[in-house]
N, C-alpha and C. Protein backbone atom coordinates (compact mmCIF):
# COMPACT_ATOMS: atom_id res chain seq x y z
N UNK A 1 -120.19 63.47 -1.78
CA UNK A 1 -119.96 64.82 -2.25
C UNK A 1 -118.74 64.89 -3.17
N UNK A 2 -117.77 64.00 -2.95
CA UNK A 2 -116.55 64.03 -3.76
C UNK A 2 -116.86 63.85 -5.25
N UNK A 3 -117.75 62.91 -5.57
CA UNK A 3 -118.09 62.68 -6.98
C UNK A 3 -118.74 63.91 -7.60
N UNK A 4 -119.58 64.60 -6.84
CA UNK A 4 -120.22 65.81 -7.34
C UNK A 4 -119.18 66.89 -7.62
N UNK A 5 -118.22 67.03 -6.71
CA UNK A 5 -117.15 68.03 -6.89
C UNK A 5 -116.34 67.70 -8.14
N UNK A 6 -116.02 66.43 -8.33
CA UNK A 6 -115.26 66.03 -9.51
C UNK A 6 -116.00 66.38 -10.80
N UNK A 7 -117.32 66.22 -10.81
CA UNK A 7 -118.12 66.57 -11.99
C UNK A 7 -118.04 68.06 -12.29
N UNK A 8 -118.10 68.89 -11.26
CA UNK A 8 -118.02 70.34 -11.47
C UNK A 8 -116.62 70.71 -11.95
N UNK A 9 -115.60 70.09 -11.39
CA UNK A 9 -114.23 70.38 -11.83
C UNK A 9 -114.04 70.03 -13.30
N UNK A 10 -114.69 68.98 -13.75
CA UNK A 10 -114.61 68.62 -15.17
C UNK A 10 -115.24 69.71 -16.05
N UNK A 11 -116.22 70.41 -15.51
CA UNK A 11 -116.86 71.49 -16.26
C UNK A 11 -115.97 72.72 -16.37
N UNK A 12 -115.20 73.02 -15.32
CA UNK A 12 -114.35 74.23 -15.34
C UNK A 12 -112.96 73.94 -15.90
N UNK A 13 -112.56 72.68 -15.93
CA UNK A 13 -111.22 72.30 -16.38
C UNK A 13 -110.86 72.81 -17.78
N UNK A 14 -111.75 72.74 -18.79
CA UNK A 14 -111.36 73.21 -20.12
C UNK A 14 -110.92 74.68 -20.15
N UNK A 15 -111.56 75.52 -19.37
CA UNK A 15 -111.16 76.94 -19.33
C UNK A 15 -109.76 77.09 -18.75
N UNK A 16 -109.46 76.31 -17.72
CA UNK A 16 -108.12 76.36 -17.13
C UNK A 16 -107.08 75.82 -18.10
N UNK A 17 -107.41 74.74 -18.78
CA UNK A 17 -106.47 74.13 -19.71
C UNK A 17 -106.20 75.03 -20.91
N UNK A 18 -107.18 75.84 -21.30
CA UNK A 18 -106.97 76.79 -22.40
C UNK A 18 -105.88 77.79 -22.07
N UNK A 19 -105.68 78.06 -20.78
CA UNK A 19 -104.65 79.01 -20.35
C UNK A 19 -103.39 78.30 -19.87
N UNK A 20 -103.29 77.00 -20.12
CA UNK A 20 -102.09 76.26 -19.75
C UNK A 20 -102.08 75.75 -18.32
N UNK A 21 -103.22 75.71 -17.69
CA UNK A 21 -103.28 75.26 -16.30
C UNK A 21 -104.19 74.07 -16.13
N UNK A 22 -104.41 73.71 -14.89
CA UNK A 22 -105.31 72.60 -14.56
C UNK A 22 -105.61 72.66 -13.07
N UNK A 23 -106.53 71.83 -12.64
CA UNK A 23 -106.90 71.76 -11.22
C UNK A 23 -106.99 70.29 -10.83
N UNK A 24 -106.54 69.98 -9.63
CA UNK A 24 -106.56 68.63 -9.10
C UNK A 24 -107.29 68.64 -7.76
N UNK A 25 -108.23 67.74 -7.58
CA UNK A 25 -108.93 67.62 -6.30
C UNK A 25 -108.03 66.87 -5.34
N UNK A 26 -107.79 67.47 -4.17
CA UNK A 26 -106.97 66.85 -3.14
C UNK A 26 -107.85 66.16 -2.10
N UNK A 27 -108.87 66.88 -1.63
CA UNK A 27 -109.69 66.34 -0.55
C UNK A 27 -111.00 67.10 -0.44
N UNK A 28 -112.04 66.41 -0.01
CA UNK A 28 -113.30 67.04 0.38
C UNK A 28 -113.52 66.62 1.83
N UNK A 29 -113.51 67.60 2.73
CA UNK A 29 -113.65 67.29 4.15
C UNK A 29 -115.12 67.11 4.51
N UNK A 30 -115.36 66.51 5.66
CA UNK A 30 -116.73 66.28 6.12
C UNK A 30 -117.47 67.57 6.42
N UNK A 31 -116.72 68.63 6.72
CA UNK A 31 -117.38 69.91 7.04
C UNK A 31 -117.53 70.83 5.82
N UNK A 32 -117.38 70.28 4.60
CA UNK A 32 -117.68 71.04 3.40
C UNK A 32 -116.55 71.88 2.84
N UNK A 33 -115.31 71.58 3.20
CA UNK A 33 -114.16 72.29 2.65
C UNK A 33 -113.58 71.44 1.52
N UNK A 34 -113.45 72.06 0.35
CA UNK A 34 -112.87 71.38 -0.81
C UNK A 34 -111.44 71.89 -0.97
N UNK A 35 -110.50 70.96 -0.99
CA UNK A 35 -109.08 71.31 -1.13
C UNK A 35 -108.63 70.91 -2.53
N UNK A 36 -108.07 71.90 -3.25
CA UNK A 36 -107.62 71.65 -4.62
C UNK A 36 -106.18 72.13 -4.78
N UNK A 37 -105.55 71.61 -5.81
CA UNK A 37 -104.20 72.05 -6.17
C UNK A 37 -104.27 72.58 -7.60
N UNK A 38 -103.87 73.84 -7.77
CA UNK A 38 -103.80 74.43 -9.10
C UNK A 38 -102.47 74.02 -9.72
N UNK A 39 -102.51 73.60 -10.97
CA UNK A 39 -101.32 73.07 -11.62
C UNK A 39 -101.00 73.85 -12.89
N UNK A 40 -99.79 73.65 -13.39
CA UNK A 40 -99.38 74.30 -14.63
C UNK A 40 -99.33 75.81 -14.45
N UNK A 41 -99.78 76.52 -15.46
CA UNK A 41 -99.75 77.98 -15.43
C UNK A 41 -100.59 78.54 -14.28
N UNK A 42 -101.63 77.84 -13.88
CA UNK A 42 -102.49 78.32 -12.80
C UNK A 42 -101.77 78.31 -11.45
N UNK A 43 -100.81 77.42 -11.29
CA UNK A 43 -100.11 77.32 -10.01
C UNK A 43 -99.27 78.53 -9.68
N UNK A 44 -98.77 79.20 -10.71
CA UNK A 44 -97.89 80.35 -10.48
C UNK A 44 -98.47 81.68 -10.97
N UNK A 45 -99.68 81.65 -11.43
CA UNK A 45 -100.31 82.86 -11.97
C UNK A 45 -100.68 83.82 -10.84
N UNK A 46 -100.39 85.12 -11.02
CA UNK A 46 -100.77 86.09 -9.99
C UNK A 46 -102.29 86.22 -9.82
N UNK A 47 -103.05 85.76 -10.78
CA UNK A 47 -104.51 85.82 -10.70
C UNK A 47 -105.11 84.52 -10.18
N UNK A 48 -104.27 83.61 -9.67
CA UNK A 48 -104.77 82.29 -9.26
C UNK A 48 -105.80 82.38 -8.14
N UNK A 49 -105.66 83.33 -7.23
CA UNK A 49 -106.64 83.48 -6.15
C UNK A 49 -108.01 83.84 -6.72
N UNK A 50 -108.03 84.72 -7.70
CA UNK A 50 -109.30 85.10 -8.32
C UNK A 50 -109.88 83.91 -9.08
N UNK A 51 -109.03 83.18 -9.79
CA UNK A 51 -109.49 81.99 -10.50
C UNK A 51 -110.10 81.00 -9.52
N UNK A 52 -109.44 80.82 -8.40
CA UNK A 52 -109.92 79.87 -7.39
C UNK A 52 -111.26 80.30 -6.82
N UNK A 53 -111.36 81.54 -6.37
CA UNK A 53 -112.57 82.01 -5.68
C UNK A 53 -113.72 82.33 -6.63
N UNK A 54 -113.44 83.08 -7.68
CA UNK A 54 -114.51 83.54 -8.57
C UNK A 54 -114.89 82.49 -9.62
N UNK A 55 -113.96 81.63 -9.95
CA UNK A 55 -114.24 80.62 -10.96
C UNK A 55 -114.61 79.28 -10.35
N UNK A 56 -113.62 78.64 -9.75
CA UNK A 56 -113.80 77.29 -9.24
C UNK A 56 -114.77 77.24 -8.06
N UNK A 57 -114.53 78.08 -7.05
CA UNK A 57 -115.39 78.05 -5.86
C UNK A 57 -116.83 78.43 -6.19
N UNK A 58 -117.02 79.46 -6.98
CA UNK A 58 -118.40 79.87 -7.28
C UNK A 58 -119.15 78.79 -8.07
N UNK A 59 -118.46 78.10 -8.97
CA UNK A 59 -119.10 77.03 -9.74
C UNK A 59 -119.48 75.86 -8.83
N UNK A 60 -118.57 75.49 -7.94
CA UNK A 60 -118.84 74.37 -7.04
C UNK A 60 -119.97 74.71 -6.07
N UNK A 61 -119.91 75.88 -5.46
CA UNK A 61 -120.93 76.26 -4.48
C UNK A 61 -122.30 76.42 -5.12
N UNK A 62 -122.34 76.84 -6.38
CA UNK A 62 -123.63 77.01 -7.07
C UNK A 62 -124.31 75.67 -7.30
N UNK A 63 -123.52 74.62 -7.48
CA UNK A 63 -124.09 73.31 -7.81
C UNK A 63 -124.15 72.34 -6.63
N UNK A 64 -123.34 72.61 -5.58
CA UNK A 64 -123.30 71.71 -4.43
C UNK A 64 -123.48 72.54 -3.16
N UNK A 65 -124.69 72.61 -2.65
CA UNK A 65 -124.99 73.46 -1.49
C UNK A 65 -124.18 73.15 -0.23
N UNK A 66 -123.71 71.93 -0.05
CA UNK A 66 -122.99 71.57 1.16
C UNK A 66 -121.56 72.07 1.23
N UNK A 67 -121.06 72.63 0.13
CA UNK A 67 -119.68 73.13 0.11
C UNK A 67 -119.64 74.52 0.73
N UNK A 68 -118.74 74.70 1.72
CA UNK A 68 -118.61 75.98 2.40
C UNK A 68 -117.50 76.83 1.79
N UNK A 69 -116.40 76.18 1.38
CA UNK A 69 -115.26 76.93 0.88
C UNK A 69 -114.39 76.02 0.02
N UNK A 70 -113.67 76.64 -0.93
CA UNK A 70 -112.67 75.93 -1.73
C UNK A 70 -111.35 76.59 -1.42
N UNK A 71 -110.36 75.79 -1.03
CA UNK A 71 -109.05 76.32 -0.68
C UNK A 71 -107.97 75.63 -1.50
N UNK A 72 -106.91 76.37 -1.73
CA UNK A 72 -105.77 75.85 -2.47
C UNK A 72 -104.74 75.29 -1.49
N UNK A 73 -104.21 74.12 -1.80
CA UNK A 73 -103.17 73.52 -0.97
C UNK A 73 -101.88 73.35 -1.75
């Protein structure tokens, strides 16, 4: 599942980088939790929760059915 998650992150990464941010995959747990670290402008942006849930999480869950949640660490 980790490789699939990395592929989806590569798809959303350009949008984050356009705003001065980035995302790093930390871990994919066996129970379907994806842990990511938002970097750059995304790490301190007040809209980072929305970016995480509406952008990153929705893209990952749409393409990888086994993912239950994406959380920021």
